[in-house]
């Protein structure tokens, strides 16, 4: 799947989770990030640097959605998870590293 198509899919998935995705210049002044998630007036938002390539935008959105699913307990469909991990390529090892240090229930 092309990165543009993946980006559209992930944007629609975020919208389905009531998360607004927007694009702005995030590399000006003291701000220097590919993107991030925040809550503004009770609404969840993801803001991504508008000058990234479609591939970088898709990777950034995928990473943020996966983090929100893990950190906030947000229910994300298996299809969204698998496409997000596919665009990241190495998302599974990163997730394994994060959980490897968490205590396991005995």
PDB file of N, CA and C in Angstrom:
ATOM      1  N   UNK A   1       0.849  -1.168   0.000  1.00  0.00           N
ATOM      2  CA  UNK A   1       0.000   0.000   0.000  1.00  0.00           C
ATOM      3  C   UNK A   1       0.901   1.240   0.000  1.00  0.00           C
ATOM      4  N   UNK A   2       0.550   2.200  -0.802  1.00  0.00           N
ATOM      5  CA  UNK A   2       1.344   3.424  -0.873  1.00  0.00           C
ATOM      6  C   UNK A   2       1.201   4.213   0.419  1.00  0.00           C
ATOM      7  N   UNK A   3       2.198   5.022   0.705  1.00  0.00           N
ATOM      8  CA  UNK A   3       2.206   5.797   1.953  1.00  0.00           C
ATOM      9  C   UNK A   3       1.045   6.785   2.015  1.00  0.00           C
ATOM     10  N   UNK A   4       0.652   7.354   0.864  1.00  0.00           N
ATOM     11  CA  UNK A   4      -0.486   8.278   0.851  1.00  0.00           C
ATOM     12  C   UNK A   4      -1.763   7.559   1.276  1.00  0.00           C
ATOM     13  N   UNK A   5      -1.958   6.340   0.763  1.00  0.00           N
ATOM     14  CA  UNK A   5      -3.144   5.551   1.104  1.00  0.00           C
ATOM     15  C   UNK A   5      -3.124   5.160   2.576  1.00  0.00           C
ATOM     16  N   UNK A   6      -1.951   4.783   3.069  1.00  0.00           N
ATOM     17  CA  UNK A   6      -1.825   4.434   4.481  1.00  0.00           C
ATOM     18  C   UNK A   6      -2.118   5.638   5.355  1.00  0.00           C
ATOM     19  N   UNK A   7      -1.627   6.799   4.964  1.00  0.00           N
ATOM     20  CA  UNK A   7      -1.878   8.017   5.715  1.00  0.00           C
ATOM     21  C   UNK A   7      -3.378   8.306   5.783  1.00  0.00           C
ATOM     22  N   UNK A   8      -4.065   8.210   4.662  1.00  0.00           N
ATOM     23  CA  UNK A   8      -5.520   8.425   4.640  1.00  0.00           C
ATOM     24  C   UNK A   8      -6.220   7.421   5.536  1.00  0.00           C
ATOM     25  N   UNK A   9      -5.815   6.155   5.464  1.00  0.00           N
ATOM     26  CA  UNK A   9      -6.406   5.118   6.313  1.00  0.00           C
ATOM     27  C   UNK A   9      -6.223   5.453   7.789  1.00  0.00           C
ATOM     28  N   UNK A  10      -5.013   5.855   8.176  1.00  0.00           N
ATOM     29  CA  UNK A  10      -4.737   6.172   9.580  1.00  0.00           C
ATOM     30  C   UNK A  10      -5.468   7.433  10.027  1.00  0.00           C
ATOM     31  N   UNK A  11      -5.590   8.421   9.126  1.00  0.00           N
ATOM     32  CA  UNK A  11      -6.359   9.621   9.454  1.00  0.00           C
ATOM     33  C   UNK A  11      -7.825   9.260   9.718  1.00  0.00           C
ATOM     34  N   UNK A  12      -8.379   8.402   8.880  1.00  0.00           N
ATOM     35  CA  UNK A  12      -9.767   7.972   9.060  1.00  0.00           C
ATOM     36  C   UNK A  12      -9.932   7.155  10.337  1.00  0.00           C
ATOM     37  N   UNK A  13      -8.931   6.335  10.660  1.00  0.00           N
ATOM     38  CA  UNK A  13      -8.977   5.552  11.899  1.00  0.00           C
ATOM     39  C   UNK A  13      -8.968   6.486  13.107  1.00  0.00           C
ATOM     40  N   UNK A  14      -8.133   7.520  13.064  1.00  0.00           N
ATOM     41  CA  UNK A  14      -8.083   8.494  14.155  1.00  0.00           C
ATOM     42  C   UNK A  14      -9.431   9.202  14.286  1.00  0.00           C
ATOM     43  N   UNK A  15     -10.002   9.588  13.175  1.00  0.00           N
ATOM     44  CA  UNK A  15     -11.309  10.246  13.186  1.00  0.00           C
ATOM     45  C   UNK A  15     -12.359   9.331  13.814  1.00  0.00           C
ATOM     46  N   UNK A  16     -12.285   8.039  13.495  1.00  0.00           N
ATOM     47  CA  UNK A  16     -13.200   7.063  14.079  1.00  0.00           C
ATOM     48  C   UNK A  16     -13.038   6.924  15.582  1.00  0.00           C
ATOM     49  N   UNK A  17     -11.871   7.294  16.088  1.00  0.00           N
ATOM     50  CA  UNK A  17     -11.600   7.264  17.531  1.00  0.00           C
ATOM     51  C   UNK A  17     -11.843   8.640  18.167  1.00  0.00           C
ATOM     52  N   UNK A  18     -12.481   9.530  17.413  1.00  0.00           N
ATOM     53  CA  UNK A  18     -12.777  10.904  17.862  1.00  0.00           C
ATOM     54  C   UNK A  18     -11.509  11.700  18.146  1.00  0.00           C
ATOM     55  N   UNK A  19     -10.495  11.493  17.294  1.00  0.00           N
ATOM     56  CA  UNK A  19      -9.244  12.238  17.390  1.00  0.00           C
ATOM     57  C   UNK A  19      -9.101  13.061  16.118  1.00  0.00           C
ATOM     58  N   UNK A  20      -8.972  14.365  16.262  1.00  0.00           N
ATOM     59  CA  UNK A  20      -8.801  15.238  15.115  1.00  0.00           C
ATOM     60  C   UNK A  20      -7.325  15.291  14.745  1.00  0.00           C
ATOM     61  N   UNK A  21      -7.027  15.073  13.465  1.00  0.00           N
ATOM     62  CA  UNK A  21      -5.651  15.135  12.973  1.00  0.00           C
ATOM     63  C   UNK A  21      -5.489  16.414  12.163  1.00  0.00           C
ATOM     64  N   UNK A  22      -4.437  17.172  12.475  1.00  0.00           N
ATOM     65  CA  UNK A  22      -4.164  18.396  11.749  1.00  0.00           C
ATOM     66  C   UNK A  22      -2.691  18.500  11.401  1.00  0.00           C
ATOM     67  N   UNK A  23      -2.380  19.423  10.514  1.00  0.00           N
ATOM     68  CA  UNK A  23      -1.007  19.616  10.044  1.00  0.00           C
ATOM     69  C   UNK A  23      -0.652  21.086  10.163  1.00  0.00           C
ATOM     70  N   UNK A  24       0.558  21.362  10.650  1.00  0.00           N
ATOM     71  CA  UNK A  24       1.022  22.737  10.808  1.00  0.00           C
ATOM     72  C   UNK A  24       2.550  22.731  10.756  1.00  0.00           C
ATOM     73  N   UNK A  25       3.136  23.900  10.680  1.00  0.00           N
ATOM     74  CA  UNK A  25       4.589  24.014  10.668  1.00  0.00           C
ATOM     75  C   UNK A  25       5.099  23.868  12.105  1.00  0.00           C
ATOM     76  N   UNK A  26       5.631  22.714  12.426  1.00  0.00           N
ATOM     77  CA  UNK A  26       6.104  22.423  13.778  1.00  0.00           C
ATOM     78  C   UNK A  26       7.618  22.526  13.898  1.00  0.00           C
ATOM     79  N   UNK A  27       8.256  23.153  12.956  1.00  0.00           N
ATOM     80  CA  UNK A  27       9.717  23.269  12.983  1.00  0.00           C
ATOM     81  C   UNK A  27      10.166  24.723  13.057  1.00  0.00           C
ATOM     82  N   UNK A  28       9.271  25.596  13.491  1.00  0.00           N
ATOM     83  CA  UNK A  28       9.645  27.004  13.567  1.00  0.00           C
ATOM     84  C   UNK A  28       9.841  27.414  15.019  1.00  0.00           C
ATOM     85  N   UNK A  29      10.674  28.405  15.224  1.00  0.00           N
ATOM     86  CA  UNK A  29      10.924  28.882  16.582  1.00  0.00           C
ATOM     87  C   UNK A  29      11.561  27.809  17.441  1.00  0.00           C
ATOM     88  N   UNK A  30      11.070  27.670  18.653  1.00  0.00           N
ATOM     89  CA  UNK A  30      11.619  26.704  19.596  1.00  0.00           C
ATOM     90  C   UNK A  30      11.026  25.316  19.423  1.00  0.00           C
ATOM     91  N   UNK A  31       9.976  25.208  18.643  1.00  0.00           N
ATOM     92  CA  UNK A  31       9.331  23.912  18.419  1.00  0.00           C
ATOM     93  C   UNK A  31      10.093  23.180  17.325  1.00  0.00           C
ATOM     94  N   UNK A  32      10.382  21.908  17.563  1.00  0.00           N
ATOM     95  CA  UNK A  32      11.078  21.109  16.563  1.00  0.00           C
ATOM     96  C   UNK A  32      10.672  19.653  16.755  1.00  0.00           C
ATOM     97  N   UNK A  33       9.536  19.293  16.196  1.00  0.00           N
ATOM     98  CA  UNK A  33       9.027  17.938  16.355  1.00  0.00           C
ATOM     99  C   UNK A  33       8.309  17.497  15.087  1.00  0.00           C
ATOM    100  N   UNK A  34       8.232  16.188  14.887  1.00  0.00           N
ATOM    101  CA  UNK A  34       7.444  15.644  13.774  1.00  0.00           C
ATOM    102  C   UNK A  34       5.960  15.700  14.094  1.00  0.00           C
ATOM    103  N   UNK A  35       5.622  15.634  15.379  1.00  0.00           N
ATOM    104  CA  UNK A  35       4.212  15.690  15.745  1.00  0.00           C
ATOM    105  C   UNK A  35       3.981  15.171  17.141  1.00  0.00           C
ATOM    106  N   UNK A  36       2.733  15.283  17.577  1.00  0.00           N
ATOM    107  CA  UNK A  36       2.386  14.816  18.913  1.00  0.00           C
ATOM    108  C   UNK A  36       0.891  14.859  19.140  1.00  0.00           C
ATOM    109  N   UNK A  37       0.483  14.330  20.275  1.00  0.00           N
ATOM    110  CA  UNK A  37      -0.932  14.280  20.650  1.00  0.00           C
ATOM    111  C   UNK A  37      -1.155  15.148  21.874  1.00  0.00           C
ATOM    112  N   UNK A  38      -2.334  15.729  21.953  1.00  0.00           N
ATOM    113  CA  UNK A  38      -2.689  16.549  23.100  1.00  0.00           C
ATOM    114  C   UNK A  38      -4.204  16.646  23.197  1.00  0.00           C
ATOM    115  N   UNK A  39      -4.677  17.156  24.319  1.00  0.00           N
ATOM    116  CA  UNK A  39      -6.100  17.389  24.523  1.00  0.00           C
ATOM    117  C   UNK A  39      -6.299  18.889  24.662  1.00  0.00           C
ATOM    118  N   UNK A  40      -7.221  19.429  23.890  1.00  0.00           N
ATOM    119  CA  UNK A  40      -7.521  20.855  23.922  1.00  0.00           C
ATOM    120  C   UNK A  40      -9.024  21.023  24.085  1.00  0.00           C
ATOM    121  N   UNK A  41      -9.410  21.638  25.202  1.00  0.00           N
ATOM    122  CA  UNK A  41     -10.829  21.845  25.519  1.00  0.00           C
ATOM    123  C   UNK A  41     -11.606  20.527  25.457  1.00  0.00           C
ATOM    124  N   UNK A  42     -10.975  19.483  25.987  1.00  0.00           N
ATOM    125  CA  UNK A  42     -11.623  18.173  26.066  1.00  0.00           C
ATOM    126  C   UNK A  42     -11.598  17.358  24.786  1.00  0.00           C
ATOM    127  N   UNK A  43     -11.006  17.877  23.720  1.00  0.00           N
ATOM    128  CA  UNK A  43     -10.947  17.161  22.448  1.00  0.00           C
ATOM    129  C   UNK A  43      -9.535  16.637  22.200  1.00  0.00           C
ATOM    130  N   UNK A  44      -9.440  15.359  21.840  1.00  0.00           N
ATOM    131  CA  UNK A  44      -8.132  14.771  21.528  1.00  0.00           C
ATOM    132  C   UNK A  44      -7.720  15.214  20.132  1.00  0.00           C
ATOM    133  N   UNK A  45      -6.447  15.613  20.030  1.00  0.00           N
ATOM    134  CA  UNK A  45      -5.919  16.082  18.755  1.00  0.00           C
ATOM    135  C   UNK A  45      -4.530  15.514  18.527  1.00  0.00           C
ATOM    136  N   UNK A  46      -4.211  15.321  17.274  1.00  0.00           N
ATOM    137  CA  UNK A  46      -2.861  14.965  16.851  1.00  0.00           C
ATOM    138  C   UNK A  46      -2.450  16.027  15.847  1.00  0.00           C
ATOM    139  N   UNK A  47      -1.273  16.598  16.066  1.00  0.00           N
ATOM    140  CA  UNK A  47      -0.749  17.620  15.167  1.00  0.00           C
ATOM    141  C   UNK A  47       0.575  17.111  14.599  1.00  0.00           C
ATOM    142  N   UNK A  48       0.697  17.180  13.269  1.00  0.00           N
ATOM    143  CA  UNK A  48       1.868  16.648  12.565  1.00  0.00           C
ATOM    144  C   UNK A  48       2.475  17.758  11.705  1.00  0.00           C
ATOM    145  N   UNK A  49       3.798  17.765  11.639  1.00  0.00           N
ATOM    146  CA  UNK A  49       4.510  18.762  10.829  1.00  0.00           C
ATOM    147  C   UNK A  49       4.084  18.647   9.365  1.00  0.00           C
ATOM    148  N   UNK A  50       3.633  19.741   8.794  1.00  0.00           N
ATOM    149  CA  UNK A  50       3.054  19.712   7.450  1.00  0.00           C
ATOM    150  C   UNK A  50       4.071  19.528   6.326  1.00  0.00           C
ATOM    151  N   UNK A  51       5.352  19.743   6.581  1.00  0.00           N
ATOM    152  CA  UNK A  51       6.337  19.636   5.516  1.00  0.00           C
ATOM    153  C   UNK A  51       7.024  18.261   5.463  1.00  0.00           C
ATOM    154  N   UNK A  52       6.518  17.290   6.205  1.00  0.00           N
ATOM    155  CA  UNK A  52       7.055  15.933   6.117  1.00  0.00           C
ATOM    156  C   UNK A  52       6.569  15.263   4.839  1.00  0.00           C
ATOM    157  N   UNK A  53       7.288  14.258   4.394  1.00  0.00           N
ATOM    158  CA  UNK A  53       6.833  13.468   3.249  1.00  0.00           C
ATOM    159  C   UNK A  53       5.624  12.640   3.676  1.00  0.00           C
ATOM    160  N   UNK A  54       4.822  12.138   2.723  1.00  0.00           N
ATOM    161  CA  UNK A  54       3.695  11.275   3.092  1.00  0.00           C
ATOM    162  C   UNK A  54       4.135  10.069   3.934  1.00  0.00           C
ATOM    163  N   UNK A  55       5.302   9.510   3.619  1.00  0.00           N
ATOM    164  CA  UNK A  55       5.825   8.379   4.387  1.00  0.00           C
ATOM    165  C   UNK A  55       6.080   8.790   5.837  1.00  0.00           C
ATOM    166  N   UNK A  56       6.737   9.937   6.031  1.00  0.00           N
ATOM    167  CA  UNK A  56       7.048  10.413   7.380  1.00  0.00           C
ATOM    168  C   UNK A  56       5.780  10.782   8.150  1.00  0.00           C
ATOM    169  N   UNK A  57       4.804  11.370   7.455  1.00  0.00           N
ATOM    170  CA  UNK A  57       3.527  11.687   8.100  1.00  0.00           C
ATOM    171  C   UNK A  57       2.828  10.406   8.556  1.00  0.00           C
ATOM    172  N   UNK A  58       2.810   9.392   7.686  1.00  0.00           N
ATOM    173  CA  UNK A  58       2.174   8.117   8.033  1.00  0.00           C
ATOM    174  C   UNK A  58       2.899   7.458   9.207  1.00  0.00           C
ATOM    175  N   UNK A  59       4.232   7.477   9.197  1.00  0.00           N
ATOM    176  CA  UNK A  59       5.012   6.897  10.297  1.00  0.00           C
ATOM    177  C   UNK A  59       4.738   7.631  11.613  1.00  0.00           C
ATOM    178  N   UNK A  60       4.695   8.961  11.547  1.00  0.00           N
ATOM    179  CA  UNK A  60       4.447   9.759  12.751  1.00  0.00           C
ATOM    180  C   UNK A  60       3.060   9.479  13.307  1.00  0.00           C
ATOM    181  N   UNK A  61       2.054   9.478  12.438  1.00  0.00           N
ATOM    182  CA  UNK A  61       0.684   9.215  12.872  1.00  0.00           C
ATOM    183  C   UNK A  61       0.554   7.790  13.411  1.00  0.00           C
ATOM    184  N   UNK A  62       1.192   6.831  12.752  1.00  0.00           N
ATOM    185  CA  UNK A  62       1.145   5.445  13.212  1.00  0.00           C
ATOM    186  C   UNK A  62       1.742   5.309  14.608  1.00  0.00           C
ATOM    187  N   UNK A  63       2.887   5.921  14.810  1.00  0.00           N
ATOM    188  CA  UNK A  63       3.556   5.841  16.110  1.00  0.00           C
ATOM    189  C   UNK A  63       2.702   6.473  17.216  1.00  0.00           C
ATOM    190  N   UNK A  64       2.108   7.625  16.922  1.00  0.00           N
ATOM    191  CA  UNK A  64       1.275   8.300  17.916  1.00  0.00           C
ATOM    192  C   UNK A  64       0.043   7.459  18.242  1.00  0.00           C
ATOM    193  N   UNK A  65      -0.618   6.905  17.230  1.00  0.00           N
ATOM    194  CA  UNK A  65      -1.800   6.077  17.479  1.00  0.00           C
ATOM    195  C   UNK A  65      -1.455   4.837  18.304  1.00  0.00           C
ATOM    196  N   UNK A  66      -0.342   4.187  17.968  1.00  0.00           N
ATOM    197  CA  UNK A  66       0.069   3.009  18.737  1.00  0.00           C
ATOM    198  C   UNK A  66       0.389   3.378  20.175  1.00  0.00           C
ATOM    199  N   UNK A  67       1.057   4.503  20.384  1.00  0.00           N
ATOM    200  CA  UNK A  67       1.362   4.962  21.741  1.00  0.00           C
ATOM    201  C   UNK A  67       0.082   5.258  22.516  1.00  0.00           C
ATOM    202  N   UNK A  68      -0.890   5.871  21.861  1.00  0.00           N
ATOM    203  CA  UNK A  68      -2.158   6.176  22.523  1.00  0.00           C
ATOM    204  C   UNK A  68      -2.889   4.888  22.892  1.00  0.00           C
ATOM    205  N   UNK A  69      -2.804   3.900  22.035  1.00  0.00           N
ATOM    206  CA  UNK A  69      -3.439   2.616  22.320  1.00  0.00           C
ATOM    207  C   UNK A  69      -2.813   1.917  23.511  1.00  0.00           C
ATOM    208  N   UNK A  70      -1.489   2.023  23.613  1.00  0.00           N
ATOM    209  CA  UNK A  70      -0.790   1.390  24.735  1.00  0.00           C
ATOM    210  C   UNK A  70      -0.934   2.217  26.007  1.00  0.00           C
ATOM    211  N   UNK A  71      -0.680   3.504  25.906  1.00  0.00           N
ATOM    212  CA  UNK A  71      -0.611   4.363  27.085  1.00  0.00           C
ATOM    213  C   UNK A  71      -1.946   4.768  27.661  1.00  0.00           C
ATOM    214  N   UNK A  72      -2.925   4.995  26.807  1.00  0.00           N
ATOM    215  CA  UNK A  72      -4.215   5.472  27.271  1.00  0.00           C
ATOM    216  C   UNK A  72      -5.265   4.377  27.306  1.00  0.00           C
ATOM    217  N   UNK A  73      -4.875   3.175  26.921  1.00  0.00           N
ATOM    218  CA  UNK A  73      -5.829   2.063  26.923  1.00  0.00           C
ATOM    219  C   UNK A  73      -6.917   2.234  25.881  1.00  0.00           C
ATOM    220  N   UNK A  74      -6.670   3.050  24.876  1.00  0.00           N
ATOM    221  CA  UNK A  74      -7.645   3.276  23.822  1.00  0.00           C
ATOM    222  C   UNK A  74      -7.791   1.991  23.000  1.00  0.00           C
ATOM    223  N   UNK A  75      -9.005   1.632  22.682  1.00  0.00           N
ATOM    224  CA  UNK A  75      -9.255   0.422  21.906  1.00  0.00           C
ATOM    225  C   UNK A  75      -9.054   0.748  20.426  1.00  0.00           C
ATOM    226  N   UNK A  76      -8.034   0.137  19.864  1.00  0.00           N
ATOM    227  CA  UNK A  76      -7.707   0.334  18.456  1.00  0.00           C
ATOM    228  C   UNK A  76      -7.848  -1.011  17.761  1.00  0.00           C
ATOM    229  N   UNK A  77      -8.524  -1.033  16.616  1.00  0.00           N
ATOM    230  CA  UNK A  77      -8.786  -2.285  15.908  1.00  0.00           C
ATOM    231  C   UNK A  77      -7.483  -2.958  15.471  1.00  0.00           C
ATOM    232  N   UNK A  78      -7.552  -4.269  15.333  1.00  0.00           N
ATOM    233  CA  UNK A  78      -6.384  -5.041  14.896  1.00  0.00           C
ATOM    234  C   UNK A  78      -5.916  -4.596  13.514  1.00  0.00           C
ATOM    235  N   UNK A  79      -6.857  -4.220  12.643  1.00  0.00           N
ATOM    236  CA  UNK A  79      -6.495  -3.766  11.302  1.00  0.00           C
ATOM    237  C   UNK A  79      -5.659  -2.497  11.373  1.00  0.00           C
ATOM    238  N   UNK A  80      -6.060  -1.555  12.226  1.00  0.00           N
ATOM    239  CA  UNK A  80      -5.307  -0.306  12.383  1.00  0.00           C
ATOM    240  C   UNK A  80      -3.937  -0.593  12.978  1.00  0.00           C
ATOM    241  N   UNK A  81      -3.899  -1.451  13.997  1.00  0.00           N
ATOM    242  CA  UNK A  81      -2.621  -1.810  14.626  1.00  0.00           C
ATOM    243  C   UNK A  81      -1.682  -2.449  13.609  1.00  0.00           C
ATOM    244  N   UNK A  82      -2.184  -3.400  12.825  1.00  0.00           N
ATOM    245  CA  UNK A  82      -1.307  -4.098  11.877  1.00  0.00           C
ATOM    246  C   UNK A  82      -0.806  -3.151  10.783  1.00  0.00           C
ATOM    247  N   UNK A  83      -1.661  -2.244  10.317  1.00  0.00           N
ATOM    248  CA  UNK A  83      -1.206  -1.280   9.295  1.00  0.00           C
ATOM    249  C   UNK A  83      -0.234  -0.270   9.887  1.00  0.00           C
ATOM    250  N   UNK A  84      -0.477   0.148  11.105  1.00  0.00           N
ATOM    251  CA  UNK A  84       0.437   1.083  11.760  1.00  0.00           C
ATOM    252  C   UNK A  84       1.799   0.427  11.964  1.00  0.00           C
ATOM    253  N   UNK A  85       1.802  -0.812  12.417  1.00  0.00           N
ATOM    254  CA  UNK A  85       3.071  -1.526  12.617  1.00  0.00           C
ATOM    255  C   UNK A  85       3.771  -1.772  11.293  1.00  0.00           C
ATOM    256  N   UNK A  86       3.001  -2.034  10.234  1.00  0.00           N
ATOM    257  CA  UNK A  86       3.599  -2.265   8.923  1.00  0.00           C
ATOM    258  C   UNK A  86       4.300  -1.006   8.409  1.00  0.00           C
ATOM    259  N   UNK A  87       3.679   0.154   8.598  1.00  0.00           N
ATOM    260  CA  UNK A  87       4.295   1.392   8.118  1.00  0.00           C
ATOM    261  C   UNK A  87       5.548   1.725   8.928  1.00  0.00           C
ATOM    262  N   UNK A  88       5.555   1.357  10.191  1.00  0.00           N
ATOM    263  CA  UNK A  88       6.733   1.611  11.023  1.00  0.00           C
ATOM    264  C   UNK A  88       7.831   0.587  10.799  1.00  0.00           C
ATOM    265  N   UNK A  89       7.460  -0.589  10.364  1.00  0.00           N
ATOM    266  CA  UNK A  89       8.446  -1.630  10.096  1.00  0.00           C
ATOM    267  C   UNK A  89       9.031  -2.230  11.350  1.00  0.00           C
ATOM    268  N   UNK A  90       9.579  -1.428  12.207  1.00  0.00           N
ATOM    269  CA  UNK A  90      10.221  -1.933  13.422  1.00  0.00           C
ATOM    270  C   UNK A  90       9.388  -1.630  14.665  1.00  0.00           C
ATOM    271  N   UNK A  91       8.103  -1.415  14.511  1.00  0.00           N
ATOM    272  CA  UNK A  91       7.250  -1.067  15.658  1.00  0.00           C
ATOM    273  C   UNK A  91       7.155  -2.197  16.661  1.00  0.00           C
ATOM    274  N   UNK A  92       7.135  -3.429  16.186  1.00  0.00           N
ATOM    275  CA  UNK A  92       6.990  -4.557  17.110  1.00  0.00           C
ATOM    276  C   UNK A  92       8.182  -4.662  18.052  1.00  0.00           C
ATOM    277  N   UNK A  93       9.440  -4.593  17.564  1.00  0.00           N
ATOM    278  CA  UNK A  93      10.564  -4.620  18.497  1.00  0.00           C
ATOM    279  C   UNK A  93      10.540  -3.465  19.484  1.00  0.00           C
ATOM    280  N   UNK A  94      10.127  -2.256  19.045  1.00  0.00           N
ATOM    281  CA  UNK A  94      10.057  -1.119  19.951  1.00  0.00           C
ATOM    282  C   UNK A  94       9.052  -1.388  21.065  1.00  0.00           C
ATOM    283  N   UNK A  95       7.904  -1.941  20.693  1.00  0.00           N
ATOM    284  CA  UNK A  95       6.875  -2.252  21.685  1.00  0.00           C
ATOM    285  C   UNK A  95       7.382  -3.329  22.632  1.00  0.00           C
ATOM    286  N   UNK A  96       8.088  -4.307  22.118  1.00  0.00           N
ATOM    287  CA  UNK A  96       8.620  -5.379  22.956  1.00  0.00           C
ATOM    288  C   UNK A  96       9.636  -4.829  23.948  1.00  0.00           C
ATOM    289  N   UNK A  97      10.451  -3.860  23.514  1.00  0.00           N
ATOM    290  CA  UNK A  97      11.430  -3.248  24.421  1.00  0.00           C
ATOM    291  C   UNK A  97      10.735  -2.525  25.561  1.00  0.00           C
ATOM    292  N   UNK A  98       9.652  -1.804  25.252  1.00  0.00           N
ATOM    293  CA  UNK A  98       8.943  -1.056  26.282  1.00  0.00           C
ATOM    294  C   UNK A  98       8.304  -1.981  27.302  1.00  0.00           C
ATOM    295  N   UNK A  99       7.735  -3.083  26.843  1.00  0.00           N
ATOM    296  CA  UNK A  99       7.049  -3.985  27.750  1.00  0.00           C
ATOM    297  C   UNK A  99       7.995  -4.959  28.432  1.00  0.00           C
ATOM    298  N   UNK A 100       9.202  -5.110  27.913  1.00  0.00           N
ATOM    299  CA  UNK A 100      10.147  -6.053  28.512  1.00  0.00           C
ATOM    300  C   UNK A 100      10.554  -5.636  29.906  1.00  0.00           C
ATOM    301  N   UNK A 101      10.470  -4.339  30.207  1.00  0.00           N
ATOM    302  CA  UNK A 101      10.892  -3.843  31.508  1.00  0.00           C
ATOM    303  C   UNK A 101       9.744  -3.729  32.496  1.00  0.00           C
ATOM    304  N   UNK A 102       8.521  -4.005  32.027  1.00  0.00           N
ATOM    305  CA  UNK A 102       7.370  -3.935  32.931  1.00  0.00           C
ATOM    306  C   UNK A 102       7.278  -5.236  33.710  1.00  0.00           C
ATOM    307  N   UNK A 103       6.847  -5.184  34.980  1.00  0.00           N
ATOM    308  CA  UNK A 103       6.719  -6.404  35.757  1.00  0.00           C
ATOM    309  C   UNK A 103       5.630  -7.302  35.189  1.00  0.00           C
ATOM    310  N   UNK A 104       5.887  -8.575  35.199  1.00  0.00           N
ATOM    311  CA  UNK A 104       4.917  -9.548  34.703  1.00  0.00           C
ATOM    312  C   UNK A 104       4.139 -10.127  35.868  1.00  0.00           C
ATOM    313  N   UNK A 105       2.854 -10.351  35.638  1.00  0.00           N
ATOM    314  CA  UNK A 105       2.027 -10.967  36.681  1.00  0.00           C
ATOM    315  C   UNK A 105       2.397 -12.439  36.817  1.00  0.00           C
ATOM    316  N   UNK A 106       2.530 -12.890  38.024  1.00  0.00           N
ATOM    317  CA  UNK A 106       2.913 -14.301  38.236  1.00  0.00           C
ATOM    318  C   UNK A 106       1.720 -15.120  38.614  1.00  0.00           C
TER     319      UNK A 106
END
